[in-house]
């Protein structure tokens, strides 16, 4: 029973992601890339 809880959690995250509007998805991706770029810049220079 415990093994089934992990795929259910992933499915719920997928369902939540699929419910988001396309604009929100784009903003989330841009935000992640901006944060990652900032960290790389911060630690590289």
PDB file of N, CA and C in Angstrom:
ATOM      1  N   UNK A   1       0.835  -1.200   0.000  1.00  0.00           N
ATOM      2  CA  UNK A   1       0.000   0.000   0.000  1.00  0.00           C
ATOM      3  C   UNK A   1       0.878   1.263   0.000  1.00  0.00           C
ATOM      4  N   UNK A   2       1.981   1.242   0.745  1.00  0.00           N
ATOM      5  CA  UNK A   2       2.828   2.429   0.831  1.00  0.00           C
ATOM      6  C   UNK A   2       3.500   2.736  -0.507  1.00  0.00           C
ATOM      7  N   UNK A   3       3.795   1.703  -1.299  1.00  0.00           N
ATOM      8  CA  UNK A   3       4.449   1.922  -2.583  1.00  0.00           C
ATOM      9  C   UNK A   3       3.537   2.704  -3.530  1.00  0.00           C
ATOM     10  N   UNK A   4       2.223   2.546  -3.383  1.00  0.00           N
ATOM     11  CA  UNK A   4       1.281   3.228  -4.264  1.00  0.00           C
ATOM     12  C   UNK A   4       1.165   4.710  -3.950  1.00  0.00           C
ATOM     13  N   UNK A   5       1.631   5.133  -2.787  1.00  0.00           N
ATOM     14  CA  UNK A   5       1.478   6.540  -2.406  1.00  0.00           C
ATOM     15  C   UNK A   5       2.395   7.432  -3.238  1.00  0.00           C
ATOM     16  N   UNK A   6       3.536   6.897  -3.691  1.00  0.00           N
ATOM     17  CA  UNK A   6       4.476   7.727  -4.459  1.00  0.00           C
ATOM     18  C   UNK A   6       3.905   8.072  -5.845  1.00  0.00           C
ATOM     19  N   UNK A   7       3.432   7.096  -6.632  1.00  0.00           N
ATOM     20  CA  UNK A   7       2.844   7.460  -7.931  1.00  0.00           C
ATOM     21  C   UNK A   7       1.633   8.359  -7.776  1.00  0.00           C
ATOM     22  N   UNK A   8       0.840   8.163  -6.715  1.00  0.00           N
ATOM     23  CA  UNK A   8      -0.329   9.017  -6.512  1.00  0.00           C
ATOM     24  C   UNK A   8       0.113  10.455  -6.296  1.00  0.00           C
ATOM     25  N   UNK A   9       1.192  10.656  -5.535  1.00  0.00           N
ATOM     26  CA  UNK A   9       1.693  11.997  -5.309  1.00  0.00           C
ATOM     27  C   UNK A   9       2.148  12.628  -6.619  1.00  0.00           C
ATOM     28  N   UNK A  10       2.842  11.835  -7.451  1.00  0.00           N
ATOM     29  CA  UNK A  10       3.304  12.349  -8.742  1.00  0.00           C
ATOM     30  C   UNK A  10       2.098  12.683  -9.622  1.00  0.00           C
ATOM     31  N   UNK A  11       1.082  11.831  -9.613  1.00  0.00           N
ATOM     32  CA  UNK A  11      -0.111  12.083 -10.425  1.00  0.00           C
ATOM     33  C   UNK A  11      -0.804  13.352  -9.969  1.00  0.00           C
ATOM     34  N   UNK A  12      -0.876  13.580  -8.655  1.00  0.00           N
ATOM     35  CA  UNK A  12      -1.554  14.777  -8.168  1.00  0.00           C
ATOM     36  C   UNK A  12      -0.787  16.028  -8.579  1.00  0.00           C
ATOM     37  N   UNK A  13       0.550  15.947  -8.578  1.00  0.00           N
ATOM     38  CA  UNK A  13       1.351  17.088  -9.021  1.00  0.00           C
ATOM     39  C   UNK A  13       1.133  17.320 -10.513  1.00  0.00           C
ATOM     40  N   UNK A  14       1.059  16.221 -11.286  1.00  0.00           N
ATOM     41  CA  UNK A  14       0.797  16.352 -12.726  1.00  0.00           C
ATOM     42  C   UNK A  14      -0.573  16.970 -12.955  1.00  0.00           C
ATOM     43  N   UNK A  15      -1.573  16.519 -12.196  1.00  0.00           N
ATOM     44  CA  UNK A  15      -2.924  17.071 -12.358  1.00  0.00           C
ATOM     45  C   UNK A  15      -2.921  18.560 -12.027  1.00  0.00           C
ATOM     46  N   UNK A  16      -2.229  18.935 -10.965  1.00  0.00           N
ATOM     47  CA  UNK A  16      -2.154  20.343 -10.575  1.00  0.00           C
ATOM     48  C   UNK A  16      -1.471  21.153 -11.678  1.00  0.00           C
ATOM     49  N   UNK A  17      -0.381  20.597 -12.239  1.00  0.00           N
ATOM     50  CA  UNK A  17       0.340  21.281 -13.319  1.00  0.00           C
ATOM     51  C   UNK A  17      -0.552  21.416 -14.546  1.00  0.00           C
ATOM     52  N   UNK A  18      -1.313  20.361 -14.881  1.00  0.00           N
ATOM     53  CA  UNK A  18      -2.173  20.405 -16.067  1.00  0.00           C
ATOM     54  C   UNK A  18      -3.324  21.386 -15.891  1.00  0.00           C
ATOM     55  N   UNK A  19      -3.720  21.663 -14.659  1.00  0.00           N
ATOM     56  CA  UNK A  19      -4.817  22.606 -14.410  1.00  0.00           C
ATOM     57  C   UNK A  19      -4.354  24.046 -14.550  1.00  0.00           C
ATOM     58  N   UNK A  20      -3.026  24.276 -14.456  1.00  0.00           N
ATOM     59  CA  UNK A  20      -2.523  25.648 -14.568  1.00  0.00           C
ATOM     60  C   UNK A  20      -2.709  26.168 -15.993  1.00  0.00           C
ATOM     61  N   UNK A  21      -3.011  27.461 -16.126  1.00  0.00           N
ATOM     62  CA  UNK A  21      -3.075  28.053 -17.467  1.00  0.00           C
ATOM     63  C   UNK A  21      -1.692  28.080 -18.110  1.00  0.00           C
ATOM     64  N   UNK A  22      -1.653  28.168 -19.436  1.00  0.00           N
ATOM     65  CA  UNK A  22      -0.377  28.157 -20.154  1.00  0.00           C
ATOM     66  C   UNK A  22       0.509  29.319 -19.721  1.00  0.00           C
ATOM     67  N   UNK A  23      -0.082  30.484 -19.473  1.00  0.00           N
ATOM     68  CA  UNK A  23       0.707  31.665 -19.066  1.00  0.00           C
ATOM     69  C   UNK A  23       1.420  31.381 -17.738  1.00  0.00           C
ATOM     70  N   UNK A  24       0.719  30.714 -16.819  1.00  0.00           N
ATOM     71  CA  UNK A  24       1.333  30.401 -15.528  1.00  0.00           C
ATOM     72  C   UNK A  24       2.500  29.438 -15.724  1.00  0.00           C
ATOM     73  N   UNK A  25       2.333  28.447 -16.613  1.00  0.00           N
ATOM     74  CA  UNK A  25       3.418  27.495 -16.871  1.00  0.00           C
ATOM     75  C   UNK A  25       4.636  28.227 -17.413  1.00  0.00           C
ATOM     76  N   UNK A  26       4.406  29.150 -18.351  1.00  0.00           N
ATOM     77  CA  UNK A  26       5.515  29.900 -18.947  1.00  0.00           C
ATOM     78  C   UNK A  26       6.219  30.727 -17.869  1.00  0.00           C
ATOM     79  N   UNK A  27       5.432  31.376 -16.998  1.00  0.00           N
ATOM     80  CA  UNK A  27       6.030  32.184 -15.933  1.00  0.00           C
ATOM     81  C   UNK A  27       6.837  31.315 -14.978  1.00  0.00           C
ATOM     82  N   UNK A  28       6.339  30.128 -14.658  1.00  0.00           N
ATOM     83  CA  UNK A  28       7.062  29.234 -13.750  1.00  0.00           C
ATOM     84  C   UNK A  28       8.387  28.817 -14.377  1.00  0.00           C
ATOM     85  N   UNK A  29       8.363  28.454 -15.666  1.00  0.00           N
ATOM     86  CA  UNK A  29       9.588  28.025 -16.343  1.00  0.00           C
ATOM     87  C   UNK A  29      10.589  29.174 -16.412  1.00  0.00           C
ATOM     88  N   UNK A  30      10.108  30.371 -16.763  1.00  0.00           N
ATOM     89  CA  UNK A  30      11.004  31.537 -16.839  1.00  0.00           C
ATOM     90  C   UNK A  30      11.588  31.838 -15.459  1.00  0.00           C
ATOM     91  N   UNK A  31      10.751  31.727 -14.432  1.00  0.00           N
ATOM     92  CA  UNK A  31      11.233  31.964 -13.077  1.00  0.00           C
ATOM     93  C   UNK A  31      12.317  30.978 -12.676  1.00  0.00           C
ATOM     94  N   UNK A  32      12.119  29.702 -13.021  1.00  0.00           N
ATOM     95  CA  UNK A  32      13.126  28.688 -12.701  1.00  0.00           C
ATOM     96  C   UNK A  32      14.432  28.982 -13.436  1.00  0.00           C
ATOM     97  N   UNK A  33      14.324  29.305 -14.727  1.00  0.00           N
ATOM     98  CA  UNK A  33      15.529  29.579 -15.509  1.00  0.00           C
ATOM     99  C   UNK A  33      16.240  30.825 -14.983  1.00  0.00           C
ATOM    100  N   UNK A  34      15.486  31.856 -14.607  1.00  0.00           N
ATOM    101  CA  UNK A  34      16.096  33.076 -14.088  1.00  0.00           C
ATOM    102  C   UNK A  34      16.814  32.785 -12.768  1.00  0.00           C
ATOM    103  N   UNK A  35      16.182  32.014 -11.893  1.00  0.00           N
ATOM    104  CA  UNK A  35      16.798  31.664 -10.620  1.00  0.00           C
ATOM    105  C   UNK A  35      18.057  30.842 -10.819  1.00  0.00           C
ATOM    106  N   UNK A  36      17.990  29.885 -11.727  1.00  0.00           N
ATOM    107  CA  UNK A  36      19.152  29.038 -12.003  1.00  0.00           C
ATOM    108  C   UNK A  36      20.283  29.874 -12.602  1.00  0.00           C
ATOM    109  N   UNK A  37      19.924  30.744 -13.551  1.00  0.00           N
ATOM    110  CA  UNK A  37      20.931  31.604 -14.166  1.00  0.00           C
ATOM    111  C   UNK A  37      21.588  32.513 -13.138  1.00  0.00           C
ATOM    112  N   UNK A  38      20.794  33.055 -12.227  1.00  0.00           N
ATOM    113  CA  UNK A  38      21.342  33.925 -11.187  1.00  0.00           C
ATOM    114  C   UNK A  38      22.319  33.155 -10.303  1.00  0.00           C
ATOM    115  N   UNK A  39      21.959  31.939  -9.911  1.00  0.00           N
ATOM    116  CA  UNK A  39      22.858  31.153  -9.065  1.00  0.00           C
ATOM    117  C   UNK A  39      24.153  30.831  -9.776  1.00  0.00           C
ATOM    118  N   UNK A  40      24.059  30.460 -11.059  1.00  0.00           N
ATOM    119  CA  UNK A  40      25.265  30.158 -11.832  1.00  0.00           C
ATOM    120  C   UNK A  40      26.144  31.406 -11.922  1.00  0.00           C
ATOM    121  N   UNK A  41      25.537  32.551 -12.231  1.00  0.00           N
ATOM    122  CA  UNK A  41      26.273  33.812 -12.338  1.00  0.00           C
ATOM    123  C   UNK A  41      26.909  34.178 -10.994  1.00  0.00           C
ATOM    124  N   UNK A  42      26.118  33.987  -9.920  1.00  0.00           N
ATOM    125  CA  UNK A  42      26.583  34.377  -8.584  1.00  0.00           C
ATOM    126  C   UNK A  42      27.808  33.555  -8.159  1.00  0.00           C
ATOM    127  N   UNK A  43      27.776  32.229  -8.453  1.00  0.00           N
ATOM    128  CA  UNK A  43      28.860  31.368  -8.002  1.00  0.00           C
ATOM    129  C   UNK A  43      30.021  31.343  -8.993  1.00  0.00           C
ATOM    130  N   UNK A  44      29.751  31.703 -10.261  1.00  0.00           N
ATOM    131  CA  UNK A  44      30.811  31.640 -11.269  1.00  0.00           C
ATOM    132  C   UNK A  44      31.670  32.906 -11.247  1.00  0.00           C
ATOM    133  N   UNK A  45      31.042  34.047 -10.866  1.00  0.00           N
ATOM    134  CA  UNK A  45      31.797  35.304 -10.925  1.00  0.00           C
ATOM    135  C   UNK A  45      31.870  35.895  -9.555  1.00  0.00           C
TER     136      UNK A  45
END
